């Protein structure tokens, strides 16, 4: 499967607020998030996509082998699927989604540069 996004779809790109993978909204709708689908359940749920992804992000990193990449370690992406990731994702998950993420054993660290201590 190709990760190519035609220029006409660039405005529909969204970044997951948990793992920061970037893909078109239509892909989140049809397949969900390749890293977080197990607990976010985005596929087919437009409201969840709006709550858990953001259209506002900065920088892009393409990872073909996240387990061997120093950039993946620096961005806390090691262990994720190969793909295109945002360096910074603007937005915060709703508190109930944060609870769901942490109940799944994933420590939620906002990808917008803030820490949860600053938010609470």
PDB file of N, CA and C in Angstrom:
ATOM      1  N   UNK A   1       0.841  -1.167   0.000  1.00  0.00           N
ATOM      2  CA  UNK A   1       0.000   0.000   0.000  1.00  0.00           C
ATOM      3  C   UNK A   1       0.894   1.240   0.000  1.00  0.00           C
ATOM      4  N   UNK A   2       0.567   2.197  -0.819  1.00  0.00           N
ATOM      5  CA  UNK A   2       1.350   3.403  -0.959  1.00  0.00           C
ATOM      6  C   UNK A   2       0.965   4.432   0.102  1.00  0.00           C
ATOM      7  N   UNK A   3       1.959   5.165   0.577  1.00  0.00           N
ATOM      8  CA  UNK A   3       1.711   6.244   1.532  1.00  0.00           C
ATOM      9  C   UNK A   3       1.609   7.581   0.803  1.00  0.00           C
ATOM     10  N   UNK A   4       1.677   7.562  -0.531  1.00  0.00           N
ATOM     11  CA  UNK A   4       1.618   8.781  -1.325  1.00  0.00           C
ATOM     12  C   UNK A   4       0.262   9.461  -1.166  1.00  0.00           C
ATOM     13  N   UNK A   5       0.299  10.762  -0.936  1.00  0.00           N
ATOM     14  CA  UNK A   5      -0.928  11.555  -0.811  1.00  0.00           C
ATOM     15  C   UNK A   5      -0.885  12.612  -1.917  1.00  0.00           C
ATOM     16  N   UNK A   6      -1.832  12.565  -2.846  1.00  0.00           N
ATOM     17  CA  UNK A   6      -1.823  13.563  -3.913  1.00  0.00           C
ATOM     18  C   UNK A   6      -2.046  14.969  -3.354  1.00  0.00           C
ATOM     19  N   UNK A   7      -1.488  15.985  -4.017  1.00  0.00           N
ATOM     20  CA  UNK A   7      -1.627  17.362  -3.535  1.00  0.00           C
ATOM     21  C   UNK A   7      -3.071  17.780  -3.272  1.00  0.00           C
ATOM     22  N   UNK A   8      -4.002  17.244  -4.020  1.00  0.00           N
ATOM     23  CA  UNK A   8      -5.411  17.611  -3.821  1.00  0.00           C
ATOM     24  C   UNK A   8      -5.943  17.160  -2.460  1.00  0.00           C
ATOM     25  N   UNK A   9      -5.259  16.225  -1.800  1.00  0.00           N
ATOM     26  CA  UNK A   9      -5.714  15.717  -0.501  1.00  0.00           C
ATOM     27  C   UNK A   9      -4.899  16.255   0.683  1.00  0.00           C
ATOM     28  N   UNK A  10      -3.935  17.142   0.420  1.00  0.00           N
ATOM     29  CA  UNK A  10      -3.095  17.649   1.515  1.00  0.00           C
ATOM     30  C   UNK A  10      -3.911  18.354   2.590  1.00  0.00           C
ATOM     31  N   UNK A  11      -4.991  19.008   2.209  1.00  0.00           N
ATOM     32  CA  UNK A  11      -5.817  19.715   3.200  1.00  0.00           C
ATOM     33  C   UNK A  11      -6.578  18.754   4.110  1.00  0.00           C
ATOM     34  N   UNK A  12      -6.703  17.486   3.705  1.00  0.00           N
ATOM     35  CA  UNK A  12      -7.431  16.522   4.528  1.00  0.00           C
ATOM     36  C   UNK A  12      -6.505  15.735   5.456  1.00  0.00           C
ATOM     37  N   UNK A  13      -5.214  16.064   5.468  1.00  0.00           N
ATOM     38  CA  UNK A  13      -4.279  15.351   6.333  1.00  0.00           C
ATOM     39  C   UNK A  13      -4.557  15.662   7.797  1.00  0.00           C
ATOM     40  N   UNK A  14      -4.443  14.616   8.613  1.00  0.00           N
ATOM     41  CA  UNK A  14      -4.641  14.753  10.055  1.00  0.00           C
ATOM     42  C   UNK A  14      -3.541  13.958  10.742  1.00  0.00           C
ATOM     43  N   UNK A  15      -3.213  14.346  11.956  1.00  0.00           N
ATOM     44  CA  UNK A  15      -2.204  13.643  12.749  1.00  0.00           C
ATOM     45  C   UNK A  15      -2.855  13.096  14.010  1.00  0.00           C
ATOM     46  N   UNK A  16      -2.551  11.857  14.327  1.00  0.00           N
ATOM     47  CA  UNK A  16      -3.046  11.233  15.555  1.00  0.00           C
ATOM     48  C   UNK A  16      -2.412  11.944  16.750  1.00  0.00           C
ATOM     49  N   UNK A  17      -3.211  12.288  17.741  1.00  0.00           N
ATOM     50  CA  UNK A  17      -2.687  12.995  18.910  1.00  0.00           C
ATOM     51  C   UNK A  17      -1.984  12.063  19.899  1.00  0.00           C
ATOM     52  N   UNK A  18      -2.087  10.753  19.692  1.00  0.00           N
ATOM     53  CA  UNK A  18      -1.386   9.819  20.570  1.00  0.00           C
ATOM     54  C   UNK A  18      -0.023   9.457  19.987  1.00  0.00           C
ATOM     55  N   UNK A  19       0.015   9.026  18.720  1.00  0.00           N
ATOM     56  CA  UNK A  19       1.272   8.565  18.128  1.00  0.00           C
ATOM     57  C   UNK A  19       1.849   9.530  17.100  1.00  0.00           C
ATOM     58  N   UNK A  20       1.096  10.481  16.617  1.00  0.00           N
ATOM     59  CA  UNK A  20       1.455  11.526  15.656  1.00  0.00           C
ATOM     60  C   UNK A  20       1.581  11.065  14.209  1.00  0.00           C
ATOM     61  N   UNK A  21       1.082   9.865  13.877  1.00  0.00           N
ATOM     62  CA  UNK A  21       1.119   9.452  12.467  1.00  0.00           C
ATOM     63  C   UNK A  21       0.207  10.378  11.668  1.00  0.00           C
ATOM     64  N   UNK A  22       0.634  10.703  10.450  1.00  0.00           N
ATOM     65  CA  UNK A  22      -0.118  11.608   9.577  1.00  0.00           C
ATOM     66  C   UNK A  22      -0.669  10.809   8.406  1.00  0.00           C
ATOM     67  N   UNK A  23      -1.967  10.972   8.178  1.00  0.00           N
ATOM     68  CA  UNK A  23      -2.607  10.340   7.027  1.00  0.00           C
ATOM     69  C   UNK A  23      -3.901  11.093   6.716  1.00  0.00           C
ATOM     70  N   UNK A  24      -4.455  10.887   5.527  1.00  0.00           N
ATOM     71  CA  UNK A  24      -5.712  11.568   5.200  1.00  0.00           C
ATOM     72  C   UNK A  24      -6.841  11.139   6.137  1.00  0.00           C
ATOM     73  N   UNK A  25      -7.777  12.046   6.373  1.00  0.00           N
ATOM     74  CA  UNK A  25      -8.931  11.727   7.222  1.00  0.00           C
ATOM     75  C   UNK A  25      -9.654  10.504   6.696  1.00  0.00           C
ATOM     76  N   UNK A  26      -9.723  10.348   5.377  1.00  0.00           N
ATOM     77  CA  UNK A  26     -10.417   9.192   4.794  1.00  0.00           C
ATOM     78  C   UNK A  26      -9.748   7.878   5.189  1.00  0.00           C
ATOM     79  N   UNK A  27      -8.435   7.884   5.364  1.00  0.00           N
ATOM     80  CA  UNK A  27      -7.729   6.664   5.779  1.00  0.00           C
ATOM     81  C   UNK A  27      -7.992   6.363   7.256  1.00  0.00           C
ATOM     82  N   UNK A  28      -8.029   7.422   8.086  1.00  0.00           N
ATOM     83  CA  UNK A  28      -8.408   7.202   9.482  1.00  0.00           C
ATOM     84  C   UNK A  28      -9.826   6.633   9.532  1.00  0.00           C
ATOM     85  N   UNK A  29     -10.708   7.142   8.679  1.00  0.00           N
ATOM     86  CA  UNK A  29     -12.107   6.691   8.660  1.00  0.00           C
ATOM     87  C   UNK A  29     -12.225   5.236   8.216  1.00  0.00           C
ATOM     88  N   UNK A  30     -11.466   4.846   7.201  1.00  0.00           N
ATOM     89  CA  UNK A  30     -11.595   3.488   6.676  1.00  0.00           C
ATOM     90  C   UNK A  30     -10.770   2.456   7.436  1.00  0.00           C
ATOM     91  N   UNK A  31      -9.558   2.848   7.902  1.00  0.00           N
ATOM     92  CA  UNK A  31      -8.668   1.862   8.519  1.00  0.00           C
ATOM     93  C   UNK A  31      -8.293   2.180   9.957  1.00  0.00           C
ATOM     94  N   UNK A  32      -8.575   3.396  10.405  1.00  0.00           N
ATOM     95  CA  UNK A  32      -8.178   3.789  11.746  1.00  0.00           C
ATOM     96  C   UNK A  32      -6.705   4.136  11.813  1.00  0.00           C
ATOM     97  N   UNK A  33      -6.176   4.198  13.005  1.00  0.00           N
ATOM     98  CA  UNK A  33      -4.758   4.510  13.222  1.00  0.00           C
ATOM     99  C   UNK A  33      -3.977   3.195  13.283  1.00  0.00           C
ATOM    100  N   UNK A  34      -2.912   3.066  12.495  1.00  0.00           N
ATOM    101  CA  UNK A  34      -2.166   1.804  12.494  1.00  0.00           C
ATOM    102  C   UNK A  34      -1.477   1.480  13.820  1.00  0.00           C
ATOM    103  N   UNK A  35      -1.299   2.471  14.676  1.00  0.00           N
ATOM    104  CA  UNK A  35      -0.644   2.246  15.969  1.00  0.00           C
ATOM    105  C   UNK A  35      -1.623   2.204  17.140  1.00  0.00           C
ATOM    106  N   UNK A  36      -2.726   2.913  17.034  1.00  0.00           N
ATOM    107  CA  UNK A  36      -3.604   3.133  18.191  1.00  0.00           C
ATOM    108  C   UNK A  36      -5.026   2.591  18.016  1.00  0.00           C
ATOM    109  N   UNK A  37      -5.299   1.942  16.904  1.00  0.00           N
ATOM    110  CA  UNK A  37      -6.673   1.517  16.609  1.00  0.00           C
ATOM    111  C   UNK A  37      -7.246   0.608  17.689  1.00  0.00           C
ATOM    112  N   UNK A  38      -6.410  -0.211  18.267  1.00  0.00           N
ATOM    113  CA  UNK A  38      -6.841  -1.175  19.290  1.00  0.00           C
ATOM    114  C   UNK A  38      -7.610  -0.510  20.433  1.00  0.00           C
ATOM    115  N   UNK A  39      -7.195   0.698  20.824  1.00  0.00           N
ATOM    116  CA  UNK A  39      -7.881   1.368  21.933  1.00  0.00           C
ATOM    117  C   UNK A  39      -8.614   2.645  21.527  1.00  0.00           C
ATOM    118  N   UNK A  40      -8.212   3.310  20.424  1.00  0.00           N
ATOM    119  CA  UNK A  40      -8.928   4.526  20.005  1.00  0.00           C
ATOM    120  C   UNK A  40     -10.166   4.220  19.164  1.00  0.00           C
ATOM    121  N   UNK A  41     -10.122   3.118  18.417  1.00  0.00           N
ATOM    122  CA  UNK A  41     -11.259   2.693  17.582  1.00  0.00           C
ATOM    123  C   UNK A  41     -11.764   3.834  16.693  1.00  0.00           C
ATOM    124  N   UNK A  42     -10.878   4.362  15.855  1.00  0.00           N
ATOM    125  CA  UNK A  42     -11.219   5.476  14.985  1.00  0.00           C
ATOM    126  C   UNK A  42     -11.965   5.057  13.726  1.00  0.00           C
ATOM    127  N   UNK A  43     -11.701   3.865  13.222  1.00  0.00           N
ATOM    128  CA  UNK A  43     -12.293   3.418  11.959  1.00  0.00           C
ATOM    129  C   UNK A  43     -13.810   3.514  12.008  1.00  0.00           C
ATOM    130  N   UNK A  44     -14.364   4.297  11.082  1.00  0.00           N
ATOM    131  CA  UNK A  44     -15.809   4.435  10.978  1.00  0.00           C
ATOM    132  C   UNK A  44     -16.448   5.364  11.983  1.00  0.00           C
ATOM    133  N   UNK A  45     -15.657   6.065  12.772  1.00  0.00           N
ATOM    134  CA  UNK A  45     -16.197   6.934  13.814  1.00  0.00           C
ATOM    135  C   UNK A  45     -15.696   8.366  13.633  1.00  0.00           C
ATOM    136  N   UNK A  46     -16.447   9.164  12.889  1.00  0.00           N
ATOM    137  CA  UNK A  46     -16.031  10.537  12.590  1.00  0.00           C
ATOM    138  C   UNK A  46     -15.818  11.384  13.844  1.00  0.00           C
ATOM    139  N   UNK A  47     -16.653  11.215  14.853  1.00  0.00           N
ATOM    140  CA  UNK A  47     -16.509  12.007  16.084  1.00  0.00           C
ATOM    141  C   UNK A  47     -15.191  11.677  16.785  1.00  0.00           C
ATOM    142  N   UNK A  48     -14.839  10.402  16.834  1.00  0.00           N
ATOM    143  CA  UNK A  48     -13.570   9.997  17.447  1.00  0.00           C
ATOM    144  C   UNK A  48     -12.384  10.539  16.656  1.00  0.00           C
ATOM    145  N   UNK A  49     -12.507  10.553  15.329  1.00  0.00           N
ATOM    146  CA  UNK A  49     -11.441  11.098  14.495  1.00  0.00           C
ATOM    147  C   UNK A  49     -11.257  12.587  14.803  1.00  0.00           C
ATOM    148  N   UNK A  50     -12.345  13.315  14.965  1.00  0.00           N
ATOM    149  CA  UNK A  50     -12.268  14.740  15.304  1.00  0.00           C
ATOM    150  C   UNK A  50     -11.632  14.941  16.680  1.00  0.00           C
ATOM    151  N   UNK A  51     -11.949  14.072  17.637  1.00  0.00           N
ATOM    152  CA  UNK A  51     -11.438  14.209  19.003  1.00  0.00           C
ATOM    153  C   UNK A  51      -9.978  13.789  19.148  1.00  0.00           C
ATOM    154  N   UNK A  52      -9.551  12.796  18.356  1.00  0.00           N
ATOM    155  CA  UNK A  52      -8.251  12.161  18.584  1.00  0.00           C
ATOM    156  C   UNK A  52      -7.191  12.479  17.541  1.00  0.00           C
ATOM    157  N   UNK A  53      -7.562  13.246  16.512  1.00  0.00           N
ATOM    158  CA  UNK A  53      -6.587  13.654  15.507  1.00  0.00           C
ATOM    159  C   UNK A  53      -6.677  15.170  15.339  1.00  0.00           C
ATOM    160  N   UNK A  54      -5.656  15.734  14.729  1.00  0.00           N
ATOM    161  CA  UNK A  54      -5.613  17.192  14.544  1.00  0.00           C
ATOM    162  C   UNK A  54      -5.170  17.530  13.133  1.00  0.00           C
ATOM    163  N   UNK A  55      -5.749  18.590  12.584  1.00  0.00           N
ATOM    164  CA  UNK A  55      -5.308  19.102  11.289  1.00  0.00           C
ATOM    165  C   UNK A  55      -4.130  20.054  11.452  1.00  0.00           C
ATOM    166  N   UNK A  56      -3.793  20.399  12.678  1.00  0.00           N
ATOM    167  CA  UNK A  56      -2.733  21.361  12.941  1.00  0.00           C
ATOM    168  C   UNK A  56      -1.516  20.604  13.474  1.00  0.00           C
ATOM    169  N   UNK A  57      -0.481  20.551  12.657  1.00  0.00           N
ATOM    170  CA  UNK A  57       0.744  19.874  13.052  1.00  0.00           C
ATOM    171  C   UNK A  57       1.914  20.529  12.342  1.00  0.00           C
ATOM    172  N   UNK A  58       3.110  20.287  12.867  1.00  0.00           N
ATOM    173  CA  UNK A  58       4.329  20.879  12.314  1.00  0.00           C
ATOM    174  C   UNK A  58       5.341  19.801  12.008  1.00  0.00           C
ATOM    175  N   UNK A  59       6.078  19.985  10.926  1.00  0.00           N
ATOM    176  CA  UNK A  59       7.176  19.106  10.577  1.00  0.00           C
ATOM    177  C   UNK A  59       6.730  17.698  10.250  1.00  0.00           C
ATOM    178  N   UNK A  60       7.439  17.053   9.363  1.00  0.00           N
ATOM    179  CA  UNK A  60       7.143  15.673   9.007  1.00  0.00           C
ATOM    180  C   UNK A  60       8.421  14.853   9.051  1.00  0.00           C
ATOM    181  N   UNK A  61       8.302  13.644   9.560  1.00  0.00           N
ATOM    182  CA  UNK A  61       9.401  12.696   9.612  1.00  0.00           C
ATOM    183  C   UNK A  61       8.898  11.413   8.970  1.00  0.00           C
ATOM    184  N   UNK A  62       9.658  10.889   8.010  1.00  0.00           N
ATOM    185  CA  UNK A  62       9.295   9.626   7.387  1.00  0.00           C
ATOM    186  C   UNK A  62      10.172   8.536   7.980  1.00  0.00           C
ATOM    187  N   UNK A  63       9.536   7.490   8.509  1.00  0.00           N
ATOM    188  CA  UNK A  63      10.279   6.404   9.135  1.00  0.00           C
ATOM    189  C   UNK A  63      10.015   5.095   8.404  1.00  0.00           C
ATOM    190  N   UNK A  64      11.077   4.471   7.939  1.00  0.00           N
ATOM    191  CA  UNK A  64      10.926   3.170   7.300  1.00  0.00           C
ATOM    192  C   UNK A  64      11.232   2.033   8.273  1.00  0.00           C
ATOM    193  N   UNK A  65      12.071   2.315   9.279  1.00  0.00           N
ATOM    194  CA  UNK A  65      12.401   1.312  10.293  1.00  0.00           C
ATOM    195  C   UNK A  65      12.480   2.001  11.657  1.00  0.00           C
ATOM    196  N   UNK A  66      11.326   2.257  12.282  1.00  0.00           N
ATOM    197  CA  UNK A  66      11.312   2.998  13.551  1.00  0.00           C
ATOM    198  C   UNK A  66      12.161   2.370  14.663  1.00  0.00           C
ATOM    199  N   UNK A  67      12.334   1.050  14.640  1.00  0.00           N
ATOM    200  CA  UNK A  67      13.087   0.400  15.717  1.00  0.00           C
ATOM    201  C   UNK A  67      14.583   0.689  15.636  1.00  0.00           C
ATOM    202  N   UNK A  68      15.086   1.092  14.459  1.00  0.00           N
ATOM    203  CA  UNK A  68      16.517   1.336  14.288  1.00  0.00           C
ATOM    204  C   UNK A  68      16.846   2.811  14.091  1.00  0.00           C
ATOM    205  N   UNK A  69      15.887   3.688  14.264  1.00  0.00           N
ATOM    206  CA  UNK A  69      16.074   5.099  13.948  1.00  0.00           C
ATOM    207  C   UNK A  69      16.283   5.945  15.208  1.00  0.00           C
ATOM    208  N   UNK A  70      17.345   6.753  15.222  1.00  0.00           N
ATOM    209  CA  UNK A  70      17.545   7.661  16.356  1.00  0.00           C
ATOM    210  C   UNK A  70      16.472   8.741  16.362  1.00  0.00           C
ATOM    211  N   UNK A  71      15.984   9.119  15.179  1.00  0.00           N
ATOM    212  CA  UNK A  71      14.913  10.115  15.103  1.00  0.00           C
ATOM    213  C   UNK A  71      13.639   9.549  15.744  1.00  0.00           C
ATOM    214  N   UNK A  72      13.367   8.267  15.510  1.00  0.00           N
ATOM    215  CA  UNK A  72      12.196   7.626  16.121  1.00  0.00           C
ATOM    216  C   UNK A  72      12.322   7.630  17.644  1.00  0.00           C
ATOM    217  N   UNK A  73      13.504   7.353  18.156  1.00  0.00           N
ATOM    218  CA  UNK A  73      13.711   7.389  19.614  1.00  0.00           C
ATOM    219  C   UNK A  73      13.516   8.813  20.137  1.00  0.00           C
ATOM    220  N   UNK A  74      14.077   9.794  19.444  1.00  0.00           N
ATOM    221  CA  UNK A  74      13.972  11.197  19.843  1.00  0.00           C
ATOM    222  C   UNK A  74      12.518  11.656  19.862  1.00  0.00           C
ATOM    223  N   UNK A  75      11.718  11.194  18.899  1.00  0.00           N
ATOM    224  CA  UNK A  75      10.308  11.577  18.801  1.00  0.00           C
ATOM    225  C   UNK A  75       9.378  10.607  19.541  1.00  0.00           C
ATOM    226  N   UNK A  76       9.933   9.649  20.251  1.00  0.00           N
ATOM    227  CA  UNK A  76       9.160   8.618  20.958  1.00  0.00           C
ATOM    228  C   UNK A  76       8.267   7.832  19.988  1.00  0.00           C
ATOM    229  N   UNK A  77       8.842   7.421  18.860  1.00  0.00           N
ATOM    230  CA  UNK A  77       8.106   6.680  17.838  1.00  0.00           C
ATOM    231  C   UNK A  77       8.624   5.263  17.655  1.00  0.00           C
ATOM    232  N   UNK A  78       9.691   4.898  18.376  1.00  0.00           N
ATOM    233  CA  UNK A  78      10.217   3.552  18.215  1.00  0.00           C
ATOM    234  C   UNK A  78       9.157   2.558  18.682  1.00  0.00           C
ATOM    235  N   UNK A  79       8.984   1.523  17.911  1.00  0.00           N
ATOM    236  CA  UNK A  79       7.956   0.530  18.209  1.00  0.00           C
ATOM    237  C   UNK A  79       6.672   0.753  17.413  1.00  0.00           C
ATOM    238  N   UNK A  80       6.569   1.881  16.708  1.00  0.00           N
ATOM    239  CA  UNK A  80       5.394   2.152  15.891  1.00  0.00           C
ATOM    240  C   UNK A  80       5.587   1.637  14.471  1.00  0.00           C
ATOM    241  N   UNK A  81       4.525   1.688  13.691  1.00  0.00           N
ATOM    242  CA  UNK A  81       4.545   1.260  12.302  1.00  0.00           C
ATOM    243  C   UNK A  81       5.347   2.249  11.451  1.00  0.00           C
ATOM    244  N   UNK A  82       5.997   1.762  10.383  1.00  0.00           N
ATOM    245  CA  UNK A  82       6.623   2.694   9.448  1.00  0.00           C
ATOM    246  C   UNK A  82       5.569   3.641   8.878  1.00  0.00           C
ATOM    247  N   UNK A  83       5.972   4.880   8.588  1.00  0.00           N
ATOM    248  CA  UNK A  83       5.035   5.840   8.027  1.00  0.00           C
ATOM    249  C   UNK A  83       5.541   7.257   8.159  1.00  0.00           C
ATOM    250  N   UNK A  84       4.644   8.208   7.954  1.00  0.00           N
ATOM    251  CA  UNK A  84       4.957   9.628   8.055  1.00  0.00           C
ATOM    252  C   UNK A  84       4.364  10.140   9.363  1.00  0.00           C
ATOM    253  N   UNK A  85       5.201  10.813  10.151  1.00  0.00           N
ATOM    254  CA  UNK A  85       4.804  11.290  11.471  1.00  0.00           C
ATOM    255  C   UNK A  85       5.043  12.791  11.593  1.00  0.00           C
ATOM    256  N   UNK A  86       4.189  13.454  12.337  1.00  0.00           N
ATOM    257  CA  UNK A  86       4.368  14.875  12.628  1.00  0.00           C
ATOM    258  C   UNK A  86       5.364  15.024  13.769  1.00  0.00           C
ATOM    259  N   UNK A  87       6.165  16.079  13.719  1.00  0.00           N
ATOM    260  CA  UNK A  87       7.103  16.377  14.796  1.00  0.00           C
ATOM    261  C   UNK A  87       6.346  16.943  15.997  1.00  0.00           C
ATOM    262  N   UNK A  88       5.343  17.769  15.713  1.00  0.00           N
ATOM    263  CA  UNK A  88       4.542  18.394  16.771  1.00  0.00           C
ATOM    264  C   UNK A  88       3.082  18.386  16.328  1.00  0.00           C
ATOM    265  N   UNK A  89       2.190  17.954  17.200  1.00  0.00           N
ATOM    266  CA  UNK A  89       0.753  17.921  16.908  1.00  0.00           C
ATOM    267  C   UNK A  89       0.045  18.837  17.898  1.00  0.00           C
ATOM    268  N   UNK A  90      -0.678  19.813  17.380  1.00  0.00           N
ATOM    269  CA  UNK A  90      -1.381  20.768  18.228  1.00  0.00           C
ATOM    270  C   UNK A  90      -2.732  20.199  18.628  1.00  0.00           C
ATOM    271  N   UNK A  91      -3.013  20.208  19.906  1.00  0.00           N
ATOM    272  CA  UNK A  91      -4.284  19.710  20.417  1.00  0.00           C
ATOM    273  C   UNK A  91      -4.069  18.725  21.550  1.00  0.00           C
ATOM    274  N   UNK A  92      -5.095  18.565  22.347  1.00  0.00           N
ATOM    275  CA  UNK A  92      -5.044  17.627  23.471  1.00  0.00           C
ATOM    276  C   UNK A  92      -6.247  16.699  23.415  1.00  0.00           C
ATOM    277  N   UNK A  93      -6.028  15.484  23.832  1.00  0.00           N
ATOM    278  CA  UNK A  93      -7.129  14.517  23.898  1.00  0.00           C
ATOM    279  C   UNK A  93      -8.104  14.888  25.005  1.00  0.00           C
ATOM    280  N   UNK A  94      -9.381  14.592  24.801  1.00  0.00           N
ATOM    281  CA  UNK A  94     -10.345  14.784  25.892  1.00  0.00           C
ATOM    282  C   UNK A  94      -9.966  13.878  27.076  1.00  0.00           C
ATOM    283  N   UNK A  95     -10.272  14.295  28.310  1.00  0.00           N
ATOM    284  CA  UNK A  95      -9.890  13.508  29.498  1.00  0.00           C
ATOM    285  C   UNK A  95     -10.374  12.055  29.470  1.00  0.00           C
ATOM    286  N   UNK A  96     -11.584  11.804  28.963  1.00  0.00           N
ATOM    287  CA  UNK A  96     -12.067  10.419  28.929  1.00  0.00           C
ATOM    288  C   UNK A  96     -11.252   9.567  27.960  1.00  0.00           C
ATOM    289  N   UNK A  97     -10.748  10.164  26.880  1.00  0.00           N
ATOM    290  CA  UNK A  97      -9.911   9.429  25.933  1.00  0.00           C
ATOM    291  C   UNK A  97      -8.538   9.176  26.547  1.00  0.00           C
ATOM    292  N   UNK A  98      -8.014  10.146  27.298  1.00  0.00           N
ATOM    293  CA  UNK A  98      -6.740   9.944  27.994  1.00  0.00           C
ATOM    294  C   UNK A  98      -6.866   8.749  28.941  1.00  0.00           C
ATOM    295  N   UNK A  99      -7.982   8.651  29.653  1.00  0.00           N
ATOM    296  CA  UNK A  99      -8.216   7.510  30.548  1.00  0.00           C
ATOM    297  C   UNK A  99      -8.217   6.197  29.769  1.00  0.00           C
ATOM    298  N   UNK A 100      -8.858   6.185  28.601  1.00  0.00           N
ATOM    299  CA  UNK A 100      -8.906   4.981  27.762  1.00  0.00           C
ATOM    300  C   UNK A 100      -7.511   4.597  27.290  1.00  0.00           C
ATOM    301  N   UNK A 101      -6.736   5.582  26.849  1.00  0.00           N
ATOM    302  CA  UNK A 101      -5.374   5.339  26.370  1.00  0.00           C
ATOM    303  C   UNK A 101      -4.525   4.756  27.493  1.00  0.00           C
ATOM    304  N   UNK A 102      -4.587   5.347  28.663  1.00  0.00           N
ATOM    305  CA  UNK A 102      -3.762   4.870  29.772  1.00  0.00           C
ATOM    306  C   UNK A 102      -4.237   3.527  30.303  1.00  0.00           C
ATOM    307  N   UNK A 103      -5.548   3.258  30.214  1.00  0.00           N
ATOM    308  CA  UNK A 103      -6.067   1.938  30.598  1.00  0.00           C
ATOM    309  C   UNK A 103      -5.549   0.851  29.656  1.00  0.00           C
ATOM    310  N   UNK A 104      -5.199   1.248  28.421  1.00  0.00           N
ATOM    311  CA  UNK A 104      -4.637   0.303  27.452  1.00  0.00           C
ATOM    312  C   UNK A 104      -3.137   0.108  27.671  1.00  0.00           C
ATOM    313  N   UNK A 105      -2.586   0.773  28.681  1.00  0.00           N
ATOM    314  CA  UNK A 105      -1.169   0.608  28.996  1.00  0.00           C
ATOM    315  C   UNK A 105      -0.242   1.548  28.241  1.00  0.00           C
ATOM    316  N   UNK A 106      -0.801   2.582  27.618  1.00  0.00           N
ATOM    317  CA  UNK A 106      -0.001   3.548  26.877  1.00  0.00           C
ATOM    318  C   UNK A 106       0.062   4.838  27.684  1.00  0.00           C
ATOM    319  N   UNK A 107       1.277   5.302  27.979  1.00  0.00           N
ATOM    320  CA  UNK A 107       1.423   6.570  28.703  1.00  0.00           C
ATOM    321  C   UNK A 107       1.208   7.696  27.708  1.00  0.00           C
ATOM    322  N   UNK A 108       0.190   8.511  27.950  1.00  0.00           N
ATOM    323  CA  UNK A 108      -0.110   9.624  27.049  1.00  0.00           C
ATOM    324  C   UNK A 108       0.765  10.820  27.385  1.00  0.00           C
ATOM    325  N   UNK A 109       1.559  11.228  26.414  1.00  0.00           N
ATOM    326  CA  UNK A 109       2.367  12.437  26.518  1.00  0.00           C
ATOM    327  C   UNK A 109       1.919  13.321  25.362  1.00  0.00           C
ATOM    328  N   UNK A 110       1.348  14.485  25.657  1.00  0.00           N
ATOM    329  CA  UNK A 110       0.876  15.360  24.574  1.00  0.00           C
ATOM    330  C   UNK A 110       1.992  15.622  23.556  1.00  0.00           C
ATOM    331  N   UNK A 111       1.630  15.611  22.312  1.00  0.00           N
ATOM    332  CA  UNK A 111       2.608  15.803  21.238  1.00  0.00           C
ATOM    333  C   UNK A 111       2.686  17.256  20.801  1.00  0.00           C
ATOM    334  N   UNK A 112       2.132  18.167  21.625  1.00  0.00           N
ATOM    335  CA  UNK A 112       2.174  19.587  21.263  1.00  0.00           C
ATOM    336  C   UNK A 112       3.259  20.347  22.020  1.00  0.00           C
ATOM    337  N   UNK A 113       4.106  19.625  22.749  1.00  0.00           N
ATOM    338  CA  UNK A 113       5.197  20.263  23.471  1.00  0.00           C
ATOM    339  C   UNK A 113       4.882  20.572  24.915  1.00  0.00           C
ATOM    340  N   UNK A 114       3.622  20.427  25.349  1.00  0.00           N
ATOM    341  CA  UNK A 114       3.282  20.651  26.749  1.00  0.00           C
ATOM    342  C   UNK A 114       3.393  19.336  27.505  1.00  0.00           C
ATOM    343  N   UNK A 115       3.394  19.424  28.799  1.00  0.00           N
ATOM    344  CA  UNK A 115       3.319  18.216  29.605  1.00  0.00           C
ATOM    345  C   UNK A 115       1.933  18.188  30.250  1.00  0.00           C
ATOM    346  N   UNK A 116       1.515  17.038  30.688  1.00  0.00           N
ATOM    347  CA  UNK A 116       0.201  16.919  31.318  1.00  0.00           C
ATOM    348  C   UNK A 116       0.130  17.756  32.591  1.00  0.00           C
ATOM    349  N   UNK A 117       1.277  17.975  33.273  1.00  0.00           N
ATOM    350  CA  UNK A 117       1.296  18.805  34.488  1.00  0.00           C
ATOM    351  C   UNK A 117       0.858  20.231  34.184  1.00  0.00           C
ATOM    352  N   UNK A 118       1.239  20.743  33.005  1.00  0.00           N
ATOM    353  CA  UNK A 118       0.873  22.106  32.616  1.00  0.00           C
ATOM    354  C   UNK A 118      -0.606  22.200  32.294  1.00  0.00           C
ATOM    355  N   UNK A 119      -1.210  21.094  31.838  1.00  0.00           N
ATOM    356  CA  UNK A 119      -2.601  21.088  31.405  1.00  0.00           C
ATOM    357  C   UNK A 119      -3.545  21.005  32.598  1.00  0.00           C
ATOM    358  N   UNK A 120      -3.176  20.248  33.614  1.00  0.00           N
ATOM    359  CA  UNK A 120      -4.080  19.976  34.727  1.00  0.00           C
ATOM    360  C   UNK A 120      -4.137  21.081  35.727  1.00  0.00           C
TER     361      UNK A 120
END
